[in-house]
């Protein structure tokens, strides 16, 4: 990666629209992005890595309110309270993901059973004389 990216390049790198990057910065999910003399944003590698982590949290269903709290704690730095609360947030979210994953696996098992049932019925139809 280059030393810094324009907002268009950051959008391409993260898959987020430009307006979403600006929105995330405005609401505090992303720290203020450094700007050039011409006031254009220049995203650093650490900005992109943070955005990618935000996308993971979002895609797993973490509410924006909790993402904002996590971002706030991150900005406070790596001290005991901040680290412990961030860890606890991730542990709690991970547990909810595990429950959801188990439910999905159970649902998937039911789907496979139904598919097998229909495959057997189709085989019966094919073996019957017309």
Protein backbone atom coordinates (compact mmCIF):
# COMPACT_ATOMS: atom_id res chain seq x y z
CA UNK A 1 0.00 0.00 0.00
CA UNK A 2 1.19 3.52 -0.65
CA UNK A 3 1.90 5.80 2.31
CA UNK A 4 -1.54 7.36 2.00
CA UNK A 5 -4.70 7.03 -0.05
CA UNK A 6 -7.21 9.54 -1.33
CA UNK A 7 -10.79 9.10 -0.23
CA UNK A 8 -11.60 7.51 -3.60
CA UNK A 9 -8.73 5.06 -3.21
CA UNK A 10 -9.78 4.32 0.38
CA UNK A 11 -13.33 3.69 -0.84
CA UNK A 12 -12.02 1.26 -3.45
CA UNK A 13 -9.75 -0.46 -0.90
CA UNK A 14 -12.53 -0.93 1.66
CA UNK A 15 -15.54 -1.36 -0.60
CA UNK A 16 -17.33 1.52 1.12
CA UNK A 17 -18.81 4.45 -0.76
CA UNK A 18 -17.07 7.80 -0.30
CA UNK A 19 -20.10 9.25 1.47
CA UNK A 20 -20.01 6.38 4.01
CA UNK A 21 -16.36 7.09 4.78
CA UNK A 22 -17.22 10.73 5.39
CA UNK A 23 -20.23 9.72 7.51
CA UNK A 24 -18.15 7.32 9.62
CA UNK A 25 -15.65 10.09 10.24
CA UNK A 26 -18.41 12.60 11.09
CA UNK A 27 -20.09 10.33 13.67
CA UNK A 28 -16.79 9.26 15.22
CA UNK A 29 -16.39 5.68 14.00
CA UNK A 30 -13.25 6.78 12.18
CA UNK A 31 -10.80 9.20 13.75
CA UNK A 32 -10.25 12.48 11.93
CA UNK A 33 -8.33 11.55 8.80
CA UNK A 34 -5.15 13.56 8.19
CA UNK A 35 -5.43 16.05 5.36
CA UNK A 36 -3.04 17.48 2.84
CA UNK A 37 -2.43 21.21 2.45
CA UNK A 38 -5.29 21.29 -0.07
CA UNK A 39 -7.57 19.80 2.68
CA UNK A 40 -8.00 16.46 0.88
CA UNK A 41 -8.16 13.47 3.17
CA UNK A 42 -5.21 11.07 3.09
CA UNK A 43 -5.98 7.67 4.56
CA UNK A 44 -3.07 5.84 6.17
CA UNK A 45 -2.63 2.09 6.37
CA UNK A 46 -3.78 2.10 9.99
CA UNK A 47 -6.97 3.94 8.93
CA UNK A 48 -7.71 1.25 6.34
CA UNK A 49 -7.03 -1.55 8.85
CA UNK A 50 -9.41 0.09 11.33
CA UNK A 51 -12.10 0.48 8.67
CA UNK A 52 -11.71 -3.18 7.72
CA UNK A 53 -12.22 -4.13 11.39
CA UNK A 54 -15.31 -1.90 11.55
CA UNK A 55 -16.66 -3.72 8.51
CA UNK A 56 -16.14 -7.06 10.27
CA UNK A 57 -18.03 -5.80 13.30
CA UNK A 58 -20.82 -4.41 11.12
CA UNK A 59 -21.11 -7.57 9.01
CA UNK A 60 -21.50 -9.67 12.15
CA UNK A 61 -24.39 -7.53 13.30
CA UNK A 62 -22.76 -5.40 16.00
CA UNK A 63 -25.01 -2.37 16.43
CA UNK A 64 -23.56 1.01 15.41
CA UNK A 65 -24.06 2.27 18.97
CA UNK A 66 -21.72 -0.44 20.26
CA UNK A 67 -19.27 0.19 17.41
CA UNK A 68 -19.21 3.84 18.46
CA UNK A 69 -18.50 2.86 22.07
CA UNK A 70 -15.69 0.58 20.92
CA UNK A 71 -14.22 3.41 18.80
CA UNK A 72 -14.47 5.78 21.77
CA UNK A 73 -12.64 3.30 24.00
CA UNK A 74 -9.99 2.80 21.33
CA UNK A 75 -9.37 6.54 21.20
CA UNK A 76 -8.85 6.55 24.98
CA UNK A 77 -5.79 4.37 24.46
CA UNK A 78 -4.50 1.07 25.70
CA UNK A 79 -4.99 1.36 29.44
CA UNK A 80 -6.56 -1.18 31.79
CA UNK A 81 -10.18 0.02 31.68
CA UNK A 82 -10.26 0.62 27.92
CA UNK A 83 -8.65 -2.69 27.05
CA UNK A 84 -10.83 -4.64 29.48
CA UNK A 85 -14.06 -3.08 28.21
CA UNK A 86 -13.13 -3.61 24.56
CA UNK A 87 -12.22 -7.22 25.28
CA UNK A 88 -15.51 -7.75 27.15
CA UNK A 89 -17.47 -6.23 24.27
CA UNK A 90 -15.80 -8.56 21.79
CA UNK A 91 -16.27 -11.58 24.05
CA UNK A 92 -19.99 -10.84 24.44
CA UNK A 93 -20.42 -10.30 20.71
CA UNK A 94 -18.47 -13.47 19.94
CA UNK A 95 -20.78 -15.48 22.21
CA UNK A 96 -23.83 -14.11 20.41
CA UNK A 97 -22.21 -15.00 17.07
CA UNK A 98 -21.58 -18.54 18.28
CA UNK A 99 -25.25 -18.90 19.26
CA UNK A 100 -26.34 -17.53 15.89
CA UNK A 101 -23.92 -19.81 14.07
CA UNK A 102 -25.26 -22.86 15.94
CA UNK A 103 -28.80 -21.87 14.98
CA UNK A 104 -27.76 -21.48 11.35
CA UNK A 105 -26.00 -24.84 11.40
CA UNK A 106 -29.15 -26.46 12.76
CA UNK A 107 -31.22 -24.79 10.04
CA UNK A 108 -28.73 -25.91 7.41
CA UNK A 109 -29.02 -29.49 8.67
CA UNK A 110 -32.80 -29.33 8.26
CA UNK A 111 -32.39 -28.02 4.69
CA UNK A 112 -30.01 -30.87 3.82
CA UNK A 113 -32.50 -33.40 5.18
CA UNK A 114 -35.31 -31.89 3.09
CA UNK A 115 -33.14 -31.90 -0.03
CA UNK A 116 -32.28 -35.56 0.58
CA UNK A 117 -35.97 -36.37 1.05
CA UNK A 118 -36.86 -34.72 -2.26
CA UNK A 119 -33.97 -36.45 -4.01
CA UNK A 120 -35.30 -39.80 -2.75
CA UNK A 121 -38.81 -38.91 -3.95
CA UNK A 122 -37.44 -37.99 -7.38
CA UNK A 123 -35.57 -41.29 -7.52
CA UNK A 124 -38.83 -43.13 -6.68
CA UNK A 125 -40.63 -41.29 -9.51
CA UNK A 126 -37.90 -42.29 -11.97
CA UNK A 127 -38.01 -45.94 -10.90
CA UNK A 128 -41.80 -46.21 -11.39
CA UNK A 129 -43.03 -47.38 -14.78
CA UNK A 130 -44.98 -44.79 -16.69
